[in-house]
Amino acid sequence: MWVTKLLQVLLLQHVLLHLLLLPIAIPYAEGQKKRRNTLHEFKKSAKTTLINEDPLLKIKTKKMNTADQCANRCIRNKGLPFTCKAFVFDKARKRCLWFPFNSMSSGVKKEFGHEFDLYENKDYIRNCIIGKGGSYKGTVSITKSGIKCQPWNSMIPHEHSFLPSSYRGKDLQENYCRNPRGEEGGPWCFTSNPEVRYEVCDIPQCSEGK
């Protein structure tokens, strides 16, 4: 009889141990499933590279085994002296080339290259916004009523405190529409019209999957 009781105790201990571990195991497994591939943040153009005509725009290059490794460094700007907007993976030489520009930048053009794959950060090439548009880094520079935007680093015609140095990581470049504080109206800008201080920009919402 004592053997039977011992087996019952051991079985109960096994069940309790299983129940204690279950809440930890399930979230961990779910977290693993939801992990997003960094390459999904980039638009791929196969057999393509970028040619830049501006010698002042430097690039960074390093030997790496996969495009995914290149993407991780680009998205985090890890070890890069600039904001990474795109990269090329040289499949033949297993090498990454990171760029502070993309195919939409002035003086930059695409070029065919059999051994290259171009990856452009979607945030910088989208012509649409997600949610409130806080991550929008496109090049729309006209308000919804058609007024040209005032450059962020300019105080003419409107003085303001939204300087690029005060909002690092928000890409307050040129006179592009932005939403640095994530406000409800979406991307906006100060206008070049002295009579209209600021106005939102007419940028559509992205369809699902973009």
Protein backbone atom coordinates (compact mmCIF):
# COMPACT_ATOMS: atom_id res chain seq x y z
CA MET A 1 0.00 0.00 0.00
CA TRP A 2 2.82 2.39 0.83
CA VAL A 3 4.13 1.88 -2.73
CA THR A 4 0.77 2.98 -4.14
CA LYS A 5 0.73 6.10 -1.96
CA LEU A 6 4.31 6.94 -3.01
CA LEU A 7 3.35 6.67 -6.67
CA GLN A 8 0.36 8.95 -6.08
CA VAL A 9 2.58 11.57 -4.40
CA LEU A 10 5.12 11.43 -7.24
CA LEU A 11 2.34 11.78 -9.83
CA LEU A 12 0.90 14.81 -7.98
CA GLN A 13 4.35 16.44 -7.87
CA HIS A 14 4.77 15.88 -11.61
CA VAL A 15 1.38 17.50 -12.35
CA LEU A 16 2.12 20.52 -10.13
CA LEU A 17 5.53 21.01 -11.73
CA HIS A 18 3.95 20.89 -15.20
CA LEU A 19 1.34 23.51 -14.20
CA LEU A 20 4.03 25.82 -12.80
CA LEU A 21 6.06 25.69 -16.02
CA LEU A 22 3.08 26.01 -18.37
CA PRO A 23 2.49 29.81 -18.01
CA ILE A 24 6.16 30.44 -18.78
CA ALA A 25 6.41 28.07 -21.72
CA ILE A 26 3.31 29.28 -23.59
CA PRO A 27 4.18 33.02 -23.77
CA TYR A 28 7.74 32.14 -24.75
CA ALA A 29 6.48 29.99 -27.63
CA GLU A 30 4.01 32.68 -28.70
CA GLY A 31 6.76 35.30 -28.58
CA GLN A 32 8.90 33.15 -30.83
CA LYS A 33 6.09 32.86 -33.39
CA LYS A 34 5.45 36.63 -33.44
CA ARG A 35 9.09 37.56 -33.98
CA ARG A 36 9.24 39.72 -37.11
CA ASN A 37 11.92 39.29 -39.77
CA THR A 38 13.92 42.51 -40.04
CA LEU A 39 14.03 42.18 -43.83
CA HIS A 40 10.26 42.79 -43.84
CA GLU A 41 11.06 46.44 -43.04
CA PHE A 42 12.78 46.78 -46.43
CA LYS A 43 11.67 46.83 -50.06
CA LYS A 44 13.83 44.47 -52.11
CA SER A 45 14.97 45.13 -55.67
CA ALA A 46 16.82 42.07 -56.97
CA LYS A 47 19.94 42.44 -59.13
CA THR A 48 20.06 46.16 -58.40
CA THR A 49 22.48 48.60 -56.78
CA LEU A 50 22.57 52.38 -56.30
CA ILE A 51 24.93 54.85 -57.95
CA ASN A 52 25.47 58.16 -56.15
CA GLU A 53 26.77 61.26 -57.95
CA ASP A 54 27.46 63.25 -54.75
CA PRO A 55 30.98 62.50 -53.42
CA LEU A 56 30.08 64.02 -50.04
CA LEU A 57 27.59 61.22 -49.34
CA LYS A 58 29.78 58.46 -47.95
CA ILE A 59 28.85 54.81 -47.64
CA LYS A 60 29.92 52.10 -45.19
CA THR A 61 30.83 48.55 -46.14
CA LYS A 62 31.69 45.36 -44.26
CA LYS A 63 31.88 41.64 -44.95
CA MET A 64 28.80 39.77 -43.66
CA ASN A 65 27.23 36.42 -44.45
CA THR A 66 23.55 37.27 -44.96
CA ALA A 67 21.24 40.10 -46.01
CA ASP A 68 19.46 39.69 -42.67
CA GLN A 69 22.65 40.66 -40.83
CA CYS A 70 22.96 43.73 -43.05
CA ALA A 71 19.33 44.65 -42.31
CA ASN A 72 19.78 44.39 -38.54
CA ARG A 73 22.70 46.81 -38.61
CA CYS A 74 20.87 49.22 -40.93
CA ILE A 75 17.64 49.31 -38.91
CA ARG A 76 19.59 49.98 -35.69
CA ASN A 77 22.22 52.24 -37.31
CA LYS A 78 24.74 50.15 -35.37
CA GLY A 79 28.30 51.31 -36.02
CA LEU A 80 27.21 53.63 -38.83
CA PRO A 81 28.13 57.34 -38.94
CA PHE A 82 24.84 58.21 -40.67
CA THR A 83 21.14 57.29 -40.73
CA CYS A 84 20.89 54.17 -42.87
CA LYS A 85 18.16 54.45 -45.51
CA ALA A 86 19.13 51.51 -47.71
CA PHE A 87 21.73 48.82 -48.20
CA VAL A 88 23.00 46.50 -50.90
CA PHE A 89 24.00 42.92 -50.25
CA ASP A 90 26.79 41.70 -52.52
CA LYS A 91 25.94 38.00 -52.83
CA ALA A 92 29.16 37.05 -54.58
CA ARG A 93 31.53 38.65 -52.06
CA LYS A 94 29.24 38.30 -48.99
CA ARG A 95 29.52 42.01 -48.28
CA CYS A 96 27.11 44.73 -47.08
CA LEU A 97 27.08 48.29 -48.41
CA TRP A 98 25.04 50.70 -46.27
CA PHE A 99 23.78 54.01 -47.70
CA PRO A 100 22.61 57.32 -46.15
CA PHE A 101 20.42 57.70 -49.26
CA ASN A 102 17.96 55.68 -51.37
CA SER A 103 16.65 55.55 -54.93
CA MET A 104 14.46 58.62 -54.30
CA SER A 105 17.38 60.82 -53.18
CA SER A 106 18.63 63.59 -55.44
CA GLY A 107 21.61 62.56 -57.62
CA VAL A 108 21.03 58.84 -57.01
CA LYS A 109 20.02 56.28 -59.63
CA LYS A 110 19.47 52.54 -59.78
CA GLU A 111 21.82 50.35 -61.80
CA PHE A 112 21.64 46.68 -62.77
CA GLY A 113 24.09 44.40 -61.01
CA HIS A 114 23.73 40.62 -61.22
CA GLU A 115 25.46 39.98 -57.88
CA PHE A 116 23.64 42.73 -55.95
CA ASP A 117 20.29 42.93 -54.13
CA LEU A 118 19.06 46.35 -53.05
CA TYR A 119 17.04 46.76 -49.84
CA GLU A 120 15.41 50.15 -49.09
CA ASN A 121 13.93 50.99 -45.69
CA LYS A 122 10.18 51.28 -46.34
CA ASP A 123 9.84 54.22 -43.94
CA TYR A 124 11.85 56.38 -46.35
CA ILE A 125 10.13 55.42 -49.60
CA ARG A 126 6.47 55.08 -48.59
CA ASN A 127 3.99 57.46 -50.19
CA CYS A 128 1.49 56.62 -47.45
CA ILE A 129 1.33 56.64 -43.64
CA ILE A 130 0.68 54.02 -40.97
CA GLY A 131 -1.56 55.16 -38.11
CA LYS A 132 -0.74 58.73 -37.13
CA GLY A 133 2.27 58.82 -39.44
CA GLY A 134 4.88 59.11 -36.71
CA SER A 135 7.23 56.85 -38.67
CA TYR A 136 6.64 58.57 -42.02
CA LYS A 137 9.93 59.65 -43.61
CA GLY A 138 8.80 60.20 -47.21
CA THR A 139 9.30 63.28 -49.36
CA VAL A 140 5.87 64.94 -49.54
CA SER A 141 6.45 68.67 -48.94
CA ILE A 142 3.09 70.22 -49.83
CA THR A 143 0.19 70.77 -47.41
CA LYS A 144 -3.35 69.57 -48.08
CA SER A 145 -4.30 72.98 -49.49
CA GLY A 146 -1.27 73.06 -51.80
CA ILE A 147 1.09 75.32 -49.82
CA LYS A 148 4.80 74.56 -50.00
CA CYS A 149 6.32 73.56 -46.64
CA GLN A 150 8.88 75.66 -44.80
CA PRO A 151 12.24 73.90 -44.15
CA TRP A 152 12.51 72.60 -40.59
CA ASN A 153 15.86 74.30 -39.99
CA SER A 154 14.52 77.68 -41.14
CA MET A 155 12.81 80.39 -39.07
CA ILE A 156 11.37 82.16 -42.10
CA PRO A 157 8.52 82.96 -42.34
CA HIS A 158 7.62 81.23 -39.02
CA GLU A 159 9.79 80.90 -35.91
CA HIS A 160 9.47 77.58 -34.10
CA SER A 161 11.21 75.09 -31.81
CA PHE A 162 10.97 71.99 -34.04
CA LEU A 163 14.66 71.85 -34.91
CA PRO A 164 16.26 68.65 -36.27
CA SER A 165 18.72 68.71 -33.36
CA SER A 166 15.84 68.73 -30.85
CA TYR A 167 14.00 65.82 -32.47
CA ARG A 168 16.72 63.32 -33.29
CA GLY A 169 15.45 60.22 -35.02
CA LYS A 170 12.37 62.03 -36.37
CA ASP A 171 14.08 62.86 -39.68
CA LEU A 172 13.18 66.56 -39.77
CA GLN A 173 14.99 66.96 -43.08
CA GLU A 174 14.47 69.53 -45.82
CA ASN A 175 10.84 70.69 -45.80
CA TYR A 176 9.23 67.24 -45.73
CA CYS A 177 5.95 66.62 -43.90
CA ARG A 178 6.51 64.98 -40.53
CA ASN A 179 4.69 64.18 -37.28
CA PRO A 180 7.49 64.28 -34.67
CA ARG A 181 5.12 64.20 -31.68
CA GLY A 182 2.72 61.60 -33.08
CA GLU A 183 -0.28 63.95 -33.04
CA GLU A 184 -3.75 62.96 -34.23
CA GLY A 185 -3.82 64.94 -37.49
CA GLY A 186 -0.90 63.07 -39.06
CA PRO A 187 2.17 64.53 -40.78
CA TRP A 188 2.24 68.33 -41.06
CA CYS A 189 4.64 71.21 -41.61
CA PHE A 190 5.09 74.94 -41.11
CA THR A 191 4.11 76.60 -44.36
CA SER A 192 5.92 79.04 -46.60
CA ASN A 193 2.86 81.31 -46.47
CA PRO A 194 3.31 84.01 -43.76
CA GLU A 195 -0.46 83.98 -43.21
CA VAL A 196 -0.69 80.23 -42.48
CA ARG A 197 1.60 79.06 -39.68
CA TYR A 198 1.18 75.29 -40.16
CA GLU A 199 -1.06 72.78 -41.88
CA VAL A 200 -1.43 69.01 -42.17
CA CYS A 201 -0.38 67.23 -45.35
CA ASP A 202 -2.70 65.10 -47.46
CA ILE A 203 -0.94 61.74 -47.22
CA PRO A 204 -3.14 58.62 -47.51
CA GLN A 205 -3.14 55.68 -45.14
CA CYS A 206 -1.19 52.64 -46.29
CA SER A 207 -3.09 49.56 -47.36
CA GLU A 208 -2.53 46.45 -45.24
CA GLY A 209 0.81 44.80 -45.90
CA LYS A 210 2.79 47.93 -46.74
